[in-house]
Amino acid sequence: MEAAQCRLLYLPPYSPDLNKIEKCWSWLKARIRHCIEVWRIRCYTSKGLTIP
């Protein structure tokens, strides 16, 4: 590695609680699930169908 002028860097253990993007993904997935459910209900009720 030294011949290629590379350094080995230590990475701490992965912690999703400390990673801000993980909270963002969690919020986004929950929002998408909610929107899909609302869309599904609107589709069924606009066609006069009962929700399964």
PDB file of N, CA and C in Angstrom:
ATOM      1  N   MET A   1       0.817  -1.194   0.000  1.00  0.00           N
ATOM      2  CA  MET A   1       0.000   0.000   0.000  1.00  0.00           C
ATOM      3  C   MET A   1       0.863   1.262   0.000  1.00  0.00           C
ATOM      4  N   GLU A   2       1.941   1.222   0.725  1.00  0.00           N
ATOM      5  CA  GLU A   2       2.801   2.404   0.776  1.00  0.00           C
ATOM      6  C   GLU A   2       3.403   2.705  -0.587  1.00  0.00           C
ATOM      7  N   ALA A   3       3.706   1.650  -1.339  1.00  0.00           N
ATOM      8  CA  ALA A   3       4.276   1.859  -2.670  1.00  0.00           C
ATOM      9  C   ALA A   3       3.275   2.561  -3.582  1.00  0.00           C
ATOM     10  N   ALA A   4       1.998   2.313  -3.374  1.00  0.00           N
ATOM     11  CA  ALA A   4       0.949   2.951  -4.179  1.00  0.00           C
ATOM     12  C   ALA A   4       0.495   4.270  -3.548  1.00  0.00           C
ATOM     13  N   GLN A   5       1.154   4.686  -2.481  1.00  0.00           N
ATOM     14  CA  GLN A   5       0.838   5.907  -1.737  1.00  0.00           C
ATOM     15  C   GLN A   5      -0.618   5.921  -1.261  1.00  0.00           C
ATOM     16  N   CYS A   6      -1.028   4.799  -0.694  1.00  0.00           N
ATOM     17  CA  CYS A   6      -2.384   4.669  -0.142  1.00  0.00           C
ATOM     18  C   CYS A   6      -2.308   4.633   1.374  1.00  0.00           C
ATOM     19  N   ARG A   7      -3.360   5.088   2.013  1.00  0.00           N
ATOM     20  CA  ARG A   7      -3.446   5.023   3.469  1.00  0.00           C
ATOM     21  C   ARG A   7      -4.664   4.194   3.849  1.00  0.00           C
ATOM     22  N   LEU A   8      -4.552   3.484   4.935  1.00  0.00           N
ATOM     23  CA  LEU A   8      -5.663   2.718   5.465  1.00  0.00           C
ATOM     24  C   LEU A   8      -6.347   3.577   6.522  1.00  0.00           C
ATOM     25  N   LEU A   9      -7.621   3.860   6.332  1.00  0.00           N
ATOM     26  CA  LEU A   9      -8.367   4.695   7.270  1.00  0.00           C
ATOM     27  C   LEU A   9      -9.307   3.834   8.091  1.00  0.00           C
ATOM     28  N   TYR A  10      -9.383   4.126   9.369  1.00  0.00           N
ATOM     29  CA  TYR A  10     -10.278   3.419  10.275  1.00  0.00           C
ATOM     30  C   TYR A  10     -11.682   3.986  10.139  1.00  0.00           C
ATOM     31  N   LEU A  11     -12.664   3.118   9.990  1.00  0.00           N
ATOM     32  CA  LEU A  11     -14.062   3.528   9.972  1.00  0.00           C
ATOM     33  C   LEU A  11     -14.739   2.998  11.228  1.00  0.00           C
ATOM     34  N   PRO A  12     -15.472   3.835  11.935  1.00  0.00           N
ATOM     35  CA  PRO A  12     -16.160   3.368  13.145  1.00  0.00           C
ATOM     36  C   PRO A  12     -17.296   2.416  12.774  1.00  0.00           C
ATOM     37  N   PRO A  13     -17.797   1.657  13.741  1.00  0.00           N
ATOM     38  CA  PRO A  13     -18.927   0.764  13.467  1.00  0.00           C
ATOM     39  C   PRO A  13     -20.124   1.563  12.948  1.00  0.00           C
ATOM     40  N   TYR A  14     -20.904   0.933  12.092  1.00  0.00           N
ATOM     41  CA  TYR A  14     -22.062   1.608  11.499  1.00  0.00           C
ATOM     42  C   TYR A  14     -23.140   1.823  12.548  1.00  0.00           C
ATOM     43  N   SER A  15     -23.652   3.026  12.611  1.00  0.00           N
ATOM     44  CA  SER A  15     -24.721   3.342  13.549  1.00  0.00           C
ATOM     45  C   SER A  15     -25.782   4.166  12.831  1.00  0.00           C
ATOM     46  N   PRO A  16     -26.911   3.545  12.443  1.00  0.00           N
ATOM     47  CA  PRO A  16     -27.947   4.296  11.730  1.00  0.00           C
ATOM     48  C   PRO A  16     -28.536   5.432  12.563  1.00  0.00           C
ATOM     49  N   ASP A  17     -28.460   5.331  13.878  1.00  0.00           N
ATOM     50  CA  ASP A  17     -28.996   6.394  14.733  1.00  0.00           C
ATOM     51  C   ASP A  17     -28.201   7.691  14.594  1.00  0.00           C
ATOM     52  N   LEU A  18     -26.940   7.577  14.241  1.00  0.00           N
ATOM     53  CA  LEU A  18     -26.095   8.760  14.117  1.00  0.00           C
ATOM     54  C   LEU A  18     -26.035   9.285  12.686  1.00  0.00           C
ATOM     55  N   ASN A  19     -26.598   8.539  11.752  1.00  0.00           N
ATOM     56  CA  ASN A  19     -26.557   8.928  10.349  1.00  0.00           C
ATOM     57  C   ASN A  19     -27.851   9.664   9.996  1.00  0.00           C
ATOM     58  N   LYS A  20     -27.746  10.933   9.693  1.00  0.00           N
ATOM     59  CA  LYS A  20     -28.934  11.762   9.458  1.00  0.00           C
ATOM     60  C   LYS A  20     -29.736  11.314   8.244  1.00  0.00           C
ATOM     61  N   ILE A  21     -29.083  10.783   7.225  1.00  0.00           N
ATOM     62  CA  ILE A  21     -29.812  10.381   6.021  1.00  0.00           C
ATOM     63  C   ILE A  21     -30.746   9.207   6.317  1.00  0.00           C
ATOM     64  N   GLU A  22     -30.412   8.368   7.300  1.00  0.00           N
ATOM     65  CA  GLU A  22     -31.278   7.241   7.648  1.00  0.00           C
ATOM     66  C   GLU A  22     -32.630   7.735   8.155  1.00  0.00           C
ATOM     67  N   LYS A  23     -32.626   8.802   8.923  1.00  0.00           N
ATOM     68  CA  LYS A  23     -33.889   9.375   9.409  1.00  0.00           C
ATOM     69  C   LYS A  23     -34.696   9.933   8.240  1.00  0.00           C
ATOM     70  N   CYS A  24     -33.999  10.505   7.291  1.00  0.00           N
ATOM     71  CA  CYS A  24     -34.657  11.046   6.101  1.00  0.00           C
ATOM     72  C   CYS A  24     -35.313   9.919   5.302  1.00  0.00           C
ATOM     73  N   TRP A  25     -34.598   8.823   5.085  1.00  0.00           N
ATOM     74  CA  TRP A  25     -35.155   7.680   4.344  1.00  0.00           C
ATOM     75  C   TRP A  25     -36.356   7.114   5.078  1.00  0.00           C
ATOM     76  N   SER A  26     -36.274   7.028   6.381  1.00  0.00           N
ATOM     77  CA  SER A  26     -37.388   6.503   7.172  1.00  0.00           C
ATOM     78  C   SER A  26     -38.628   7.369   6.989  1.00  0.00           C
ATOM     79  N   TRP A  27     -38.452   8.693   7.052  1.00  0.00           N
ATOM     80  CA  TRP A  27     -39.568   9.621   6.870  1.00  0.00           C
ATOM     81  C   TRP A  27     -40.143   9.492   5.459  1.00  0.00           C
ATOM     82  N   LEU A  28     -39.263   9.422   4.460  1.00  0.00           N
ATOM     83  CA  LEU A  28     -39.702   9.347   3.070  1.00  0.00           C
ATOM     84  C   LEU A  28     -40.490   8.067   2.803  1.00  0.00           C
ATOM     85  N   LYS A  29     -40.001   6.935   3.305  1.00  0.00           N
ATOM     86  CA  LYS A  29     -40.717   5.665   3.104  1.00  0.00           C
ATOM     87  C   LYS A  29     -42.085   5.685   3.769  1.00  0.00           C
ATOM     88  N   ALA A  30     -42.171   6.260   4.955  1.00  0.00           N
ATOM     89  CA  ALA A  30     -43.464   6.354   5.643  1.00  0.00           C
ATOM     90  C   ALA A  30     -44.414   7.249   4.856  1.00  0.00           C
ATOM     91  N   ARG A  31     -43.908   8.337   4.323  1.00  0.00           N
ATOM     92  CA  ARG A  31     -44.730   9.264   3.529  1.00  0.00           C
ATOM     93  C   ARG A  31     -45.245   8.591   2.255  1.00  0.00           C
ATOM     94  N   ILE A  32     -44.382   7.841   1.597  1.00  0.00           N
ATOM     95  CA  ILE A  32     -44.787   7.133   0.377  1.00  0.00           C
ATOM     96  C   ILE A  32     -45.856   6.099   0.695  1.00  0.00           C
ATOM     97  N   ARG A  33     -45.659   5.336   1.778  1.00  0.00           N
ATOM     98  CA  ARG A  33     -46.669   4.338   2.161  1.00  0.00           C
ATOM     99  C   ARG A  33     -48.013   5.006   2.419  1.00  0.00           C
ATOM    100  N   HIS A  34     -47.994   6.139   3.104  1.00  0.00           N
ATOM    101  CA  HIS A  34     -49.229   6.868   3.402  1.00  0.00           C
ATOM    102  C   HIS A  34     -49.900   7.338   2.105  1.00  0.00           C
ATOM    103  N   CYS A  35     -49.126   7.911   1.204  1.00  0.00           N
ATOM    104  CA  CYS A  35     -49.686   8.419  -0.054  1.00  0.00           C
ATOM    105  C   CYS A  35     -50.262   7.293  -0.903  1.00  0.00           C
ATOM    106  N   ILE A  36     -49.609   6.145  -0.921  1.00  0.00           N
ATOM    107  CA  ILE A  36     -50.124   4.999  -1.673  1.00  0.00           C
ATOM    108  C   ILE A  36     -51.453   4.549  -1.088  1.00  0.00           C
ATOM    109  N   GLU A  37     -51.550   4.523   0.226  1.00  0.00           N
ATOM    110  CA  GLU A  37     -52.797   4.105   0.873  1.00  0.00           C
ATOM    111  C   GLU A  37     -53.923   5.093   0.562  1.00  0.00           C
ATOM    112  N   VAL A  38     -53.632   6.384   0.612  1.00  0.00           N
ATOM    113  CA  VAL A  38     -54.638   7.405   0.289  1.00  0.00           C
ATOM    114  C   VAL A  38     -55.073   7.255  -1.166  1.00  0.00           C
ATOM    115  N   TRP A  39     -54.121   7.061  -2.067  1.00  0.00           N
ATOM    116  CA  TRP A  39     -54.436   6.886  -3.489  1.00  0.00           C
ATOM    117  C   TRP A  39     -55.320   5.655  -3.695  1.00  0.00           C
ATOM    118  N   ARG A  40     -54.988   4.578  -3.018  1.00  0.00           N
ATOM    119  CA  ARG A  40     -55.757   3.335  -3.139  1.00  0.00           C
ATOM    120  C   ARG A  40     -57.207   3.550  -2.686  1.00  0.00           C
ATOM    121  N   ILE A  41     -57.378   4.216  -1.568  1.00  0.00           N
ATOM    122  CA  ILE A  41     -58.727   4.490  -1.051  1.00  0.00           C
ATOM    123  C   ILE A  41     -59.504   5.369  -2.034  1.00  0.00           C
ATOM    124  N   ARG A  42     -58.866   6.397  -2.561  1.00  0.00           N
ATOM    125  CA  ARG A  42     -59.538   7.283  -3.517  1.00  0.00           C
ATOM    126  C   ARG A  42     -59.936   6.540  -4.785  1.00  0.00           C
ATOM    127  N   CYS A  43     -59.075   5.657  -5.265  1.00  0.00           N
ATOM    128  CA  CYS A  43     -59.393   4.886  -6.476  1.00  0.00           C
ATOM    129  C   CYS A  43     -60.611   4.004  -6.245  1.00  0.00           C
ATOM    130  N   TYR A  44     -60.621   3.290  -5.145  1.00  0.00           N
ATOM    131  CA  TYR A  44     -61.738   2.388  -4.864  1.00  0.00           C
ATOM    132  C   TYR A  44     -63.037   3.151  -4.652  1.00  0.00           C
ATOM    133  N   THR A  45     -62.985   4.230  -3.896  1.00  0.00           N
ATOM    134  CA  THR A  45     -64.230   4.954  -3.602  1.00  0.00           C
ATOM    135  C   THR A  45     -64.747   5.709  -4.823  1.00  0.00           C
ATOM    136  N   SER A  46     -63.848   6.150  -5.703  1.00  0.00           N
ATOM    137  CA  SER A  46     -64.308   6.854  -6.905  1.00  0.00           C
ATOM    138  C   SER A  46     -64.999   5.896  -7.872  1.00  0.00           C
ATOM    139  N   LYS A  47     -64.673   4.614  -7.777  1.00  0.00           N
ATOM    140  CA  LYS A  47     -65.303   3.611  -8.636  1.00  0.00           C
ATOM    141  C   LYS A  47     -66.512   2.976  -7.962  1.00  0.00           C
ATOM    142  N   GLY A  48     -66.800   3.403  -6.740  1.00  0.00           N
ATOM    143  CA  GLY A  48     -67.938   2.851  -6.017  1.00  0.00           C
ATOM    144  C   GLY A  48     -67.689   1.454  -5.486  1.00  0.00           C
ATOM    145  N   LEU A  49     -66.429   1.098  -5.335  1.00  0.00           N
ATOM    146  CA  LEU A  49     -66.073  -0.231  -4.835  1.00  0.00           C
ATOM    147  C   LEU A  49     -65.788  -0.165  -3.343  1.00  0.00           C
ATOM    148  N   THR A  50     -65.869  -1.305  -2.698  1.00  0.00           N
ATOM    149  CA  THR A  50     -65.495  -1.355  -1.286  1.00  0.00           C
ATOM    150  C   THR A  50     -64.009  -1.675  -1.192  1.00  0.00           C
ATOM    151  N   ILE A  51     -63.390  -1.187  -0.173  1.00  0.00           N
ATOM    152  CA  ILE A  51     -61.954  -1.395   0.023  1.00  0.00           C
ATOM    153  C   ILE A  51     -61.733  -2.799   0.563  1.00  0.00           C
ATOM    154  N   PRO A  52     -60.878  -3.571  -0.121  1.00  0.00           N
ATOM    155  CA  PRO A  52     -60.637  -4.959   0.342  1.00  0.00           C
ATOM    156  C   PRO A  52     -59.841  -5.006   1.627  1.00  0.00           C
TER     157      PRO A  52
END
